[in-house]
Amino acid sequence: MGLEDAYRIFNALGGVVDKITGVGGVLFLIGFVIVFTIFMGFVITLLVRAIKMLPNMTPSQFLKFTLIMAISLMIVGLLIP
């Protein structure tokens, strides 16, 4: 499991988008871009808040944060061989 799986998924989505023509296809792509932009803004906002909270954390909160970051990095490392 890795980028090959993601590539196949996006290829399948690309095949579906290629079959859609006209105004419907354009509206679909515009909607997808809007949703993706909102999602990325949400992720960036969460990252900024986490960085701002870092200096004010208690040792227990910092250890929990470090553990969550370590698990997240391990999952990303599994997905990207």
PDB file of N, CA and C in Angstrom:
ATOM      1  N   MET A   1       0.853  -1.174   0.000  1.00  0.00           N
ATOM      2  CA  MET A   1       0.000   0.000   0.000  1.00  0.00           C
ATOM      3  C   MET A   1       0.891   1.226   0.000  1.00  0.00           C
ATOM      4  N   GLY A   2       0.628   2.131  -0.866  1.00  0.00           N
ATOM      5  CA  GLY A   2       1.447   3.316  -0.950  1.00  0.00           C
ATOM      6  C   GLY A   2       0.913   4.264  -1.991  1.00  0.00           C
ATOM      7  N   LEU A   3       1.842   4.942  -2.620  1.00  0.00           N
ATOM      8  CA  LEU A   3       1.444   5.918  -3.623  1.00  0.00           C
ATOM      9  C   LEU A   3       0.835   5.258  -4.855  1.00  0.00           C
ATOM     10  N   GLU A   4       1.186   3.989  -5.092  1.00  0.00           N
ATOM     11  CA  GLU A   4       0.598   3.297  -6.244  1.00  0.00           C
ATOM     12  C   GLU A   4      -0.909   3.184  -6.102  1.00  0.00           C
ATOM     13  N   ASP A   5      -1.366   2.894  -4.877  1.00  0.00           N
ATOM     14  CA  ASP A   5      -2.806   2.792  -4.637  1.00  0.00           C
ATOM     15  C   ASP A   5      -3.489   4.143  -4.851  1.00  0.00           C
ATOM     16  N   ALA A   6      -2.868   5.186  -4.311  1.00  0.00           N
ATOM     17  CA  ALA A   6      -3.436   6.519  -4.486  1.00  0.00           C
ATOM     18  C   ALA A   6      -3.458   6.889  -5.968  1.00  0.00           C
ATOM     19  N   TYR A   7      -2.405   6.501  -6.698  1.00  0.00           N
ATOM     20  CA  TYR A   7      -2.346   6.791  -8.127  1.00  0.00           C
ATOM     21  C   TYR A   7      -3.482   6.101  -8.866  1.00  0.00           C
ATOM     22  N   ARG A   8      -3.756   4.842  -8.510  1.00  0.00           N
ATOM     23  CA  ARG A   8      -4.849   4.117  -9.164  1.00  0.00           C
ATOM     24  C   ARG A   8      -6.203   4.755  -8.862  1.00  0.00           C
ATOM     25  N   ILE A   9      -6.379   5.183  -7.616  1.00  0.00           N
ATOM     26  CA  ILE A   9      -7.645   5.806  -7.227  1.00  0.00           C
ATOM     27  C   ILE A   9      -7.851   7.105  -8.005  1.00  0.00           C
ATOM     28  N   PHE A  10      -6.799   7.954  -8.046  1.00  0.00           N
ATOM     29  CA  PHE A  10      -6.929   9.219  -8.761  1.00  0.00           C
ATOM     30  C   PHE A  10      -7.056   9.003 -10.264  1.00  0.00           C
ATOM     31  N   ASN A  11      -6.444   7.941 -10.771  1.00  0.00           N
ATOM     32  CA  ASN A  11      -6.608   7.609 -12.184  1.00  0.00           C
ATOM     33  C   ASN A  11      -8.056   7.234 -12.482  1.00  0.00           C
ATOM     34  N   ALA A  12      -8.654   6.455 -11.573  1.00  0.00           N
ATOM     35  CA  ALA A  12     -10.053   6.077 -11.763  1.00  0.00           C
ATOM     36  C   ALA A  12     -10.947   7.319 -11.708  1.00  0.00           C
ATOM     37  N   LEU A  13     -10.667   8.218 -10.755  1.00  0.00           N
ATOM     38  CA  LEU A  13     -11.445   9.457 -10.683  1.00  0.00           C
ATOM     39  C   LEU A  13     -11.226  10.299 -11.929  1.00  0.00           C
ATOM     40  N   GLY A  14      -9.979  10.320 -12.417  1.00  0.00           N
ATOM     41  CA  GLY A  14      -9.694  11.057 -13.648  1.00  0.00           C
ATOM     42  C   GLY A  14     -10.442  10.487 -14.826  1.00  0.00           C
ATOM     43  N   GLY A  15     -10.579   9.155 -14.867  1.00  0.00           N
ATOM     44  CA  GLY A  15     -11.335   8.522 -15.941  1.00  0.00           C
ATOM     45  C   GLY A  15     -12.793   8.911 -15.902  1.00  0.00           C
ATOM     46  N   VAL A  16     -13.329   9.028 -14.696  1.00  0.00           N
ATOM     47  CA  VAL A  16     -14.733   9.446 -14.557  1.00  0.00           C
ATOM     48  C   VAL A  16     -14.887  10.895 -14.992  1.00  0.00           C
ATOM     49  N   VAL A  17     -13.932  11.741 -14.596  1.00  0.00           N
ATOM     50  CA  VAL A  17     -14.016  13.158 -14.960  1.00  0.00           C
ATOM     51  C   VAL A  17     -13.849  13.335 -16.462  1.00  0.00           C
ATOM     52  N   ASP A  18     -12.990  12.504 -17.085  1.00  0.00           N
ATOM     53  CA  ASP A  18     -12.810  12.613 -18.530  1.00  0.00           C
ATOM     54  C   ASP A  18     -14.085  12.274 -19.294  1.00  0.00           C
ATOM     55  N   LYS A  19     -14.897  11.398 -18.749  1.00  0.00           N
ATOM     56  CA  LYS A  19     -16.138  11.007 -19.423  1.00  0.00           C
ATOM     57  C   LYS A  19     -17.206  12.091 -19.324  1.00  0.00           C
ATOM     58  N   ILE A  20     -17.070  12.957 -18.308  1.00  0.00           N
ATOM     59  CA  ILE A  20     -18.035  14.041 -18.136  1.00  0.00           C
ATOM     60  C   ILE A  20     -17.601  15.203 -19.019  1.00  0.00           C
ATOM     61  N   THR A  21     -18.501  15.661 -19.852  1.00  0.00           N
ATOM     62  CA  THR A  21     -18.176  16.770 -20.743  1.00  0.00           C
ATOM     63  C   THR A  21     -19.166  17.902 -20.540  1.00  0.00           C
ATOM     64  N   GLY A  22     -18.800  19.050 -20.985  1.00  0.00           N
ATOM     65  CA  GLY A  22     -19.708  20.190 -20.965  1.00  0.00           C
ATOM     66  C   GLY A  22     -19.711  20.930 -19.651  1.00  0.00           C
ATOM     67  N   VAL A  23     -20.820  21.602 -19.434  1.00  0.00           N
ATOM     68  CA  VAL A  23     -20.969  22.459 -18.268  1.00  0.00           C
ATOM     69  C   VAL A  23     -20.944  21.647 -16.970  1.00  0.00           C
ATOM     70  N   GLY A  24     -21.516  20.450 -16.997  1.00  0.00           N
ATOM     71  CA  GLY A  24     -21.539  19.614 -15.802  1.00  0.00           C
ATOM     72  C   GLY A  24     -20.141  19.266 -15.318  1.00  0.00           C
ATOM     73  N   GLY A  25     -19.257  18.955 -16.242  1.00  0.00           N
ATOM     74  CA  GLY A  25     -17.886  18.628 -15.879  1.00  0.00           C
ATOM     75  C   GLY A  25     -17.158  19.813 -15.279  1.00  0.00           C
ATOM     76  N   VAL A  26     -17.366  20.966 -15.874  1.00  0.00           N
ATOM     77  CA  VAL A  26     -16.725  22.181 -15.363  1.00  0.00           C
ATOM     78  C   VAL A  26     -17.245  22.506 -13.974  1.00  0.00           C
ATOM     79  N   LEU A  27     -18.553  22.395 -13.768  1.00  0.00           N
ATOM     80  CA  LEU A  27     -19.127  22.671 -12.446  1.00  0.00           C
ATOM     81  C   LEU A  27     -18.620  21.680 -11.403  1.00  0.00           C
ATOM     82  N   PHE A  28     -18.479  20.414 -11.807  1.00  0.00           N
ATOM     83  CA  PHE A  28     -17.945  19.411 -10.897  1.00  0.00           C
ATOM     84  C   PHE A  28     -16.529  19.762 -10.477  1.00  0.00           C
ATOM     85  N   LEU A  29     -15.694  20.116 -11.439  1.00  0.00           N
ATOM     86  CA  LEU A  29     -14.310  20.459 -11.123  1.00  0.00           C
ATOM     87  C   LEU A  29     -14.218  21.705 -10.247  1.00  0.00           C
ATOM     88  N   ILE A  30     -15.041  22.689 -10.519  1.00  0.00           N
ATOM     89  CA  ILE A  30     -15.047  23.900  -9.693  1.00  0.00           C
ATOM     90  C   ILE A  30     -15.470  23.564  -8.271  1.00  0.00           C
ATOM     91  N   GLY A  31     -16.498  22.751  -8.116  1.00  0.00           N
ATOM     92  CA  GLY A  31     -16.941  22.340  -6.781  1.00  0.00           C
ATOM     93  C   GLY A  31     -15.872  21.553  -6.048  1.00  0.00           C
ATOM     94  N   PHE A  32     -15.188  20.651  -6.762  1.00  0.00           N
ATOM     95  CA  PHE A  32     -14.122  19.860  -6.147  1.00  0.00           C
ATOM     96  C   PHE A  32     -12.982  20.762  -5.678  1.00  0.00           C
ATOM     97  N   VAL A  33     -12.619  21.737  -6.488  1.00  0.00           N
ATOM     98  CA  VAL A  33     -11.548  22.662  -6.109  1.00  0.00           C
ATOM     99  C   VAL A  33     -11.950  23.482  -4.894  1.00  0.00           C
ATOM    100  N   ILE A  34     -13.202  23.906  -4.825  1.00  0.00           N
ATOM    101  CA  ILE A  34     -13.676  24.680  -3.673  1.00  0.00           C
ATOM    102  C   ILE A  34     -13.621  23.835  -2.407  1.00  0.00           C
ATOM    103  N   VAL A  35     -14.109  22.598  -2.473  1.00  0.00           N
ATOM    104  CA  VAL A  35     -14.089  21.720  -1.299  1.00  0.00           C
ATOM    105  C   VAL A  35     -12.646  21.433  -0.876  1.00  0.00           C
ATOM    106  N   PHE A  36     -11.765  21.179  -1.829  1.00  0.00           N
ATOM    107  CA  PHE A  36     -10.366  20.908  -1.519  1.00  0.00           C
ATOM    108  C   PHE A  36      -9.704  22.119  -0.872  1.00  0.00           C
ATOM    109  N   THR A  37     -10.009  23.315  -1.366  1.00  0.00           N
ATOM    110  CA  THR A  37      -9.449  24.544  -0.800  1.00  0.00           C
ATOM    111  C   THR A  37      -9.920  24.745   0.632  1.00  0.00           C
ATOM    112  N   ILE A  38     -11.201  24.507   0.896  1.00  0.00           N
ATOM    113  CA  ILE A  38     -11.723  24.642   2.256  1.00  0.00           C
ATOM    114  C   ILE A  38     -11.054  23.631   3.180  1.00  0.00           C
ATOM    115  N   PHE A  39     -10.882  22.405   2.711  1.00  0.00           N
ATOM    116  CA  PHE A  39     -10.232  21.367   3.515  1.00  0.00           C
ATOM    117  C   PHE A  39      -8.791  21.753   3.839  1.00  0.00           C
ATOM    118  N   MET A  40      -8.058  22.240   2.856  1.00  0.00           N
ATOM    119  CA  MET A  40      -6.665  22.624   3.097  1.00  0.00           C
ATOM    120  C   MET A  40      -6.587  23.816   4.052  1.00  0.00           C
ATOM    121  N   GLY A  41      -7.503  24.748   3.947  1.00  0.00           N
ATOM    122  CA  GLY A  41      -7.549  25.865   4.886  1.00  0.00           C
ATOM    123  C   GLY A  41      -7.799  25.394   6.307  1.00  0.00           C
ATOM    124  N   PHE A  42      -8.681  24.409   6.451  1.00  0.00           N
ATOM    125  CA  PHE A  42      -8.968  23.837   7.762  1.00  0.00           C
ATOM    126  C   PHE A  42      -7.721  23.164   8.337  1.00  0.00           C
ATOM    127  N   VAL A  43      -7.002  22.413   7.516  1.00  0.00           N
ATOM    128  CA  VAL A  43      -5.791  21.730   7.971  1.00  0.00           C
ATOM    129  C   VAL A  43      -4.729  22.741   8.383  1.00  0.00           C
ATOM    130  N   ILE A  44      -4.547  23.790   7.587  1.00  0.00           N
ATOM    131  CA  ILE A  44      -3.555  24.811   7.914  1.00  0.00           C
ATOM    132  C   ILE A  44      -3.927  25.530   9.201  1.00  0.00           C
ATOM    133  N   THR A  45      -5.215  25.819   9.392  1.00  0.00           N
ATOM    134  CA  THR A  45      -5.669  26.459  10.621  1.00  0.00           C
ATOM    135  C   THR A  45      -5.380  25.593  11.835  1.00  0.00           C
ATOM    136  N   LEU A  46      -5.635  24.294  11.727  1.00  0.00           N
ATOM    137  CA  LEU A  46      -5.337  23.395  12.842  1.00  0.00           C
ATOM    138  C   LEU A  46      -3.848  23.345  13.151  1.00  0.00           C
ATOM    139  N   LEU A  47      -3.014  23.327  12.123  1.00  0.00           N
ATOM    140  CA  LEU A  47      -1.573  23.313  12.344  1.00  0.00           C
ATOM    141  C   LEU A  47      -1.091  24.585  13.035  1.00  0.00           C
ATOM    142  N   VAL A  48      -1.607  25.726  12.617  1.00  0.00           N
ATOM    143  CA  VAL A  48      -1.209  26.992  13.230  1.00  0.00           C
ATOM    144  C   VAL A  48      -1.636  27.028  14.692  1.00  0.00           C
ATOM    145  N   ARG A  49      -2.840  26.572  14.989  1.00  0.00           N
ATOM    146  CA  ARG A  49      -3.305  26.532  16.380  1.00  0.00           C
ATOM    147  C   ARG A  49      -2.449  25.605  17.222  1.00  0.00           C
ATOM    148  N   ALA A  50      -2.064  24.459  16.669  1.00  0.00           N
ATOM    149  CA  ALA A  50      -1.220  23.517  17.421  1.00  0.00           C
ATOM    150  C   ALA A  50       0.140  24.124  17.712  1.00  0.00           C
ATOM    151  N   ILE A  51       0.702  24.832  16.744  1.00  0.00           N
ATOM    152  CA  ILE A  51       2.008  25.464  16.953  1.00  0.00           C
ATOM    153  C   ILE A  51       1.911  26.574  17.990  1.00  0.00           C
ATOM    154  N   LYS A  52       0.813  27.340  17.978  1.00  0.00           N
ATOM    155  CA  LYS A  52       0.635  28.405  18.962  1.00  0.00           C
ATOM    156  C   LYS A  52       0.439  27.845  20.367  1.00  0.00           C
ATOM    157  N   MET A  53      -0.182  26.676  20.484  1.00  0.00           N
ATOM    158  CA  MET A  53      -0.436  26.078  21.797  1.00  0.00           C
ATOM    159  C   MET A  53       0.802  25.409  22.382  1.00  0.00           C
ATOM    160  N   LEU A  54       1.771  25.096  21.562  1.00  0.00           N
ATOM    161  CA  LEU A  54       2.933  24.323  21.990  1.00  0.00           C
ATOM    162  C   LEU A  54       3.666  24.934  23.190  1.00  0.00           C
ATOM    163  N   PRO A  55       3.973  26.236  23.225  1.00  0.00           N
ATOM    164  CA  PRO A  55       4.703  26.772  24.381  1.00  0.00           C
ATOM    165  C   PRO A  55       3.895  26.772  25.684  1.00  0.00           C
ATOM    166  N   ASN A  56       2.586  26.722  25.605  1.00  0.00           N
ATOM    167  CA  ASN A  56       1.743  26.803  26.795  1.00  0.00           C
ATOM    168  C   ASN A  56       1.320  25.438  27.324  1.00  0.00           C
ATOM    169  N   MET A  57       1.848  24.358  26.764  1.00  0.00           N
ATOM    170  CA  MET A  57       1.426  23.019  27.172  1.00  0.00           C
ATOM    171  C   MET A  57       2.118  22.590  28.463  1.00  0.00           C
ATOM    172  N   THR A  58       1.371  21.821  29.249  1.00  0.00           N
ATOM    173  CA  THR A  58       1.969  21.182  30.414  1.00  0.00           C
ATOM    174  C   THR A  58       2.794  19.987  29.917  1.00  0.00           C
ATOM    175  N   PRO A  59       3.681  19.453  30.754  1.00  0.00           N
ATOM    176  CA  PRO A  59       4.460  18.283  30.312  1.00  0.00           C
ATOM    177  C   PRO A  59       3.587  17.111  29.867  1.00  0.00           C
ATOM    178  N   SER A  60       2.471  16.889  30.539  1.00  0.00           N
ATOM    179  CA  SER A  60       1.572  15.795  30.164  1.00  0.00           C
ATOM    180  C   SER A  60       0.966  16.041  28.783  1.00  0.00           C
ATOM    181  N   GLN A  61       0.506  17.256  28.540  1.00  0.00           N
ATOM    182  CA  GLN A  61      -0.068  17.590  27.242  1.00  0.00           C
ATOM    183  C   GLN A  61       0.985  17.498  26.146  1.00  0.00           C
ATOM    184  N   PHE A  62       2.214  17.920  26.456  1.00  0.00           N
ATOM    185  CA  PHE A  62       3.279  17.855  25.473  1.00  0.00           C
ATOM    186  C   PHE A  62       3.602  16.405  25.109  1.00  0.00           C
ATOM    187  N   LEU A  63       3.608  15.518  26.104  1.00  0.00           N
ATOM    188  CA  LEU A  63       3.862  14.107  25.828  1.00  0.00           C
ATOM    189  C   LEU A  63       2.751  13.499  24.971  1.00  0.00           C
ATOM    190  N   LYS A  64       1.500  13.859  25.253  1.00  0.00           N
ATOM    191  CA  LYS A  64       0.389  13.378  24.432  1.00  0.00           C
ATOM    192  C   LYS A  64       0.516  13.884  22.996  1.00  0.00           C
ATOM    193  N   PHE A  65       0.855  15.168  22.861  1.00  0.00           N
ATOM    194  CA  PHE A  65       1.036  15.763  21.539  1.00  0.00           C
ATOM    195  C   PHE A  65       2.166  15.066  20.789  1.00  0.00           C
ATOM    196  N   THR A  66       3.277  14.815  21.483  1.00  0.00           N
ATOM    197  CA  THR A  66       4.408  14.135  20.863  1.00  0.00           C
ATOM    198  C   THR A  66       4.030  12.723  20.436  1.00  0.00           C
ATOM    199  N   LEU A  67       3.262  12.022  21.254  1.00  0.00           N
ATOM    200  CA  LEU A  67       2.830  10.669  20.920  1.00  0.00           C
ATOM    201  C   LEU A  67       1.925  10.675  19.691  1.00  0.00           C
ATOM    202  N   ILE A  68       0.997  11.610  19.625  1.00  0.00           N
ATOM    203  CA  ILE A  68       0.098  11.716  18.474  1.00  0.00           C
ATOM    204  C   ILE A  68       0.892  12.037  17.209  1.00  0.00           C
ATOM    205  N   MET A  69       1.863  12.943  17.322  1.00  0.00           N
ATOM    206  CA  MET A  69       2.691  13.270  16.157  1.00  0.00           C
ATOM    207  C   MET A  69       3.508  12.064  15.708  1.00  0.00           C
ATOM    208  N   ALA A  70       4.041  11.299  16.651  1.00  0.00           N
ATOM    209  CA  ALA A  70       4.837  10.123  16.299  1.00  0.00           C
ATOM    210  C   ALA A  70       3.979   9.085  15.578  1.00  0.00           C
ATOM    211  N   ILE A  71       2.780   8.849  16.075  1.00  0.00           N
ATOM    212  CA  ILE A  71       1.878   7.883  15.433  1.00  0.00           C
ATOM    213  C   ILE A  71       1.488   8.372  14.037  1.00  0.00           C
ATOM    214  N   SER A  72       1.231   9.676  13.907  1.00  0.00           N
ATOM    215  CA  SER A  72       0.876  10.237  12.603  1.00  0.00           C
ATOM    216  C   SER A  72       2.027  10.058  11.612  1.00  0.00           C
ATOM    217  N   LEU A  73       3.247  10.322  12.048  1.00  0.00           N
ATOM    218  CA  LEU A  73       4.394  10.168  11.168  1.00  0.00           C
ATOM    219  C   LEU A  73       4.617   8.701  10.790  1.00  0.00           C
ATOM    220  N   MET A  74       4.341   7.789  11.713  1.00  0.00           N
ATOM    221  CA  MET A  74       4.481   6.369  11.404  1.00  0.00           C
ATOM    222  C   MET A  74       3.460   5.956  10.327  1.00  0.00           C
ATOM    223  N   ILE A  75       2.234   6.470  10.426  1.00  0.00           N
ATOM    224  CA  ILE A  75       1.205   6.141   9.426  1.00  0.00           C
ATOM    225  C   ILE A  75       1.593   6.712   8.069  1.00  0.00           C
ATOM    226  N   VAL A  76       2.087   7.953   8.052  1.00  0.00           N
ATOM    227  CA  VAL A  76       2.521   8.549   6.789  1.00  0.00           C
ATOM    228  C   VAL A  76       3.689   7.754   6.219  1.00  0.00           C
ATOM    229  N   GLY A  77       4.602   7.306   7.087  1.00  0.00           N
ATOM    230  CA  GLY A  77       5.735   6.507   6.639  1.00  0.00           C
ATOM    231  C   GLY A  77       5.303   5.169   6.042  1.00  0.00           C
ATOM    232  N   LEU A  78       4.218   4.609   6.542  1.00  0.00           N
ATOM    233  CA  LEU A  78       3.699   3.360   5.964  1.00  0.00           C
ATOM    234  C   LEU A  78       3.069   3.596   4.597  1.00  0.00           C
ATOM    235  N   LEU A  79       2.437   4.733   4.442  1.00  0.00           N
ATOM    236  CA  LEU A  79       1.765   5.031   3.181  1.00  0.00           C
ATOM    237  C   LEU A  79       2.749   5.430   2.090  1.00  0.00           C
ATOM    238  N   ILE A  80       3.874   6.009   2.484  1.00  0.00           N
ATOM    239  CA  ILE A  80       4.879   6.430   1.511  1.00  0.00           C
ATOM    240  C   ILE A  80       6.113   5.558   1.706  1.00  0.00           C
ATOM    241  N   PRO A  81       6.200   4.463   0.956  1.00  0.00           N
ATOM    242  CA  PRO A  81       7.357   3.564   1.144  1.00  0.00           C
ATOM    243  C   PRO A  81       8.648   4.148   0.620  1.00  0.00           C
TER     244      PRO A  81
END
